[in-house]
Amino acid sequence: MNDLIYQRIEDSAHFRELVAKRQRFATILSLIMLVIYVGFILLIAFAPGWLGTPLHAGTTVTRGIPIGIGVIVISFFLTAVYVWRANGEFDRLTYEVLREVKA
């Protein structure tokens, strides 16, 4: 019985659309985060003096601190974007797959 249901899900056009859209979107977000993170690491490796420069005279806060915080904030933002889309479009496609298979 379960094998039949699994096969009907795999044969569903909505399921193939869901998998393709979700993989494409996750890949794009992963590449964005990878570029940001690798860029930050490359800055640490090749421009430590620039990152260690204070933001302005008389402060101990360097350029690296807000940039590092920015990397963390961007990761939270990209996670929120994924969750927003997953709870919207991806959930809608999941319900369509389930409705199609149960019919």
Protein backbone atom coordinates (compact mmCIF):
# COMPACT_ATOMS: atom_id res chain seq x y z
CA MET A 1 0.00 0.00 0.00
CA ASN A 2 2.71 2.49 1.00
CA ASP A 3 4.74 1.69 -2.12
CA LEU A 4 1.74 2.61 -4.25
CA ILE A 5 1.34 5.94 -2.46
CA TYR A 6 5.05 6.71 -2.75
CA GLN A 7 4.96 5.93 -6.45
CA ARG A 8 1.91 8.18 -6.96
CA ILE A 9 3.72 11.01 -5.14
CA GLU A 10 6.87 10.58 -7.24
CA ASP A 11 4.79 10.56 -10.42
CA SER A 12 2.98 13.76 -9.45
CA ALA A 13 3.75 16.85 -11.53
CA HIS A 14 3.25 19.02 -8.46
CA PHE A 15 5.81 16.95 -6.54
CA ARG A 16 8.41 17.34 -9.29
CA GLU A 17 7.69 21.08 -9.39
CA LEU A 18 8.04 21.29 -5.59
CA VAL A 19 11.36 19.44 -5.57
CA ALA A 20 12.79 21.51 -8.43
CA LYS A 21 11.74 24.86 -6.96
CA ARG A 22 12.91 23.99 -3.47
CA GLN A 23 16.30 22.72 -4.67
CA ARG A 24 16.85 25.75 -6.90
CA PHE A 25 15.93 28.18 -4.14
CA ALA A 26 18.03 26.41 -1.49
CA THR A 27 20.99 26.33 -3.87
CA ILE A 28 20.72 30.05 -4.57
CA LEU A 29 20.52 30.93 -0.88
CA SER A 30 23.40 28.57 -0.09
CA LEU A 31 25.57 30.13 -2.79
CA ILE A 32 24.80 33.63 -1.52
CA MET A 33 25.81 32.64 2.01
CA LEU A 34 28.89 30.83 0.76
CA VAL A 35 30.09 33.87 -1.19
CA ILE A 36 29.53 36.14 1.82
CA TYR A 37 31.27 33.80 4.25
CA VAL A 38 34.22 33.02 1.95
CA GLY A 39 34.56 36.73 1.21
CA PHE A 40 34.76 37.45 4.93
CA ILE A 41 37.35 34.71 5.46
CA LEU A 42 39.38 36.04 2.52
CA LEU A 43 39.28 39.50 4.08
CA ILE A 44 40.59 38.02 7.31
CA ALA A 45 43.34 36.19 5.45
CA PHE A 46 44.47 38.89 3.03
CA ALA A 47 43.46 42.20 4.64
CA PRO A 48 43.75 41.79 8.41
CA GLY A 49 45.17 45.29 8.75
CA TRP A 50 42.18 46.80 6.98
CA LEU A 51 39.75 44.82 9.15
CA GLY A 52 41.68 45.81 12.27
CA THR A 53 41.44 49.52 11.51
CA PRO A 54 39.23 51.39 14.00
CA LEU A 55 36.00 52.80 12.61
CA HIS A 56 37.01 56.28 13.79
CA ALA A 57 39.61 57.87 16.01
CA GLY A 58 39.31 57.14 19.70
CA THR A 59 37.30 53.92 19.42
CA THR A 60 38.27 50.29 19.84
CA VAL A 61 35.58 49.07 17.45
CA THR A 62 37.25 47.95 14.25
CA ARG A 63 35.84 47.45 10.75
CA GLY A 64 35.83 43.70 11.28
CA ILE A 65 33.27 43.77 14.08
CA PRO A 66 30.32 45.23 12.14
CA ILE A 67 31.26 43.17 9.09
CA GLY A 68 31.28 39.98 11.20
CA ILE A 69 27.97 40.92 12.78
CA GLY A 70 26.66 41.61 9.29
CA VAL A 71 27.57 38.07 8.19
CA ILE A 72 25.58 36.68 11.12
CA VAL A 73 22.61 38.98 10.46
CA ILE A 74 22.58 38.08 6.77
CA SER A 75 22.50 34.37 7.66
CA PHE A 76 19.46 34.96 9.89
CA PHE A 77 17.82 37.04 7.13
CA LEU A 78 18.39 34.34 4.48
CA THR A 79 16.96 31.74 6.87
CA ALA A 80 13.89 33.91 7.37
CA VAL A 81 13.48 34.29 3.61
CA TYR A 82 13.61 30.51 3.20
CA VAL A 83 11.09 29.94 6.01
CA TRP A 84 8.76 32.58 4.55
CA ARG A 85 8.82 30.92 1.14
CA ALA A 86 8.60 27.41 2.61
CA ASN A 87 5.53 28.36 4.62
CA GLY A 88 3.94 29.92 1.55
CA GLU A 89 4.66 28.49 -1.87
CA PHE A 90 6.27 25.22 -0.80
CA ASP A 91 3.49 24.37 1.64
CA ARG A 92 0.90 25.16 -1.04
CA LEU A 93 2.62 22.76 -3.45
CA THR A 94 2.84 20.11 -0.73
CA TYR A 95 -0.91 20.35 -0.12
CA GLU A 96 -1.55 20.06 -3.85
CA VAL A 97 0.56 16.90 -3.99
CA LEU A 98 -1.29 15.40 -1.03
CA ARG A 99 -4.69 16.35 -2.49
CA GLU A 100 -3.72 14.85 -5.84
CA VAL A 101 -2.47 11.59 -4.30
CA LYS A 102 -5.47 11.16 -2.00
CA ALA A 103 -7.92 11.66 -4.87
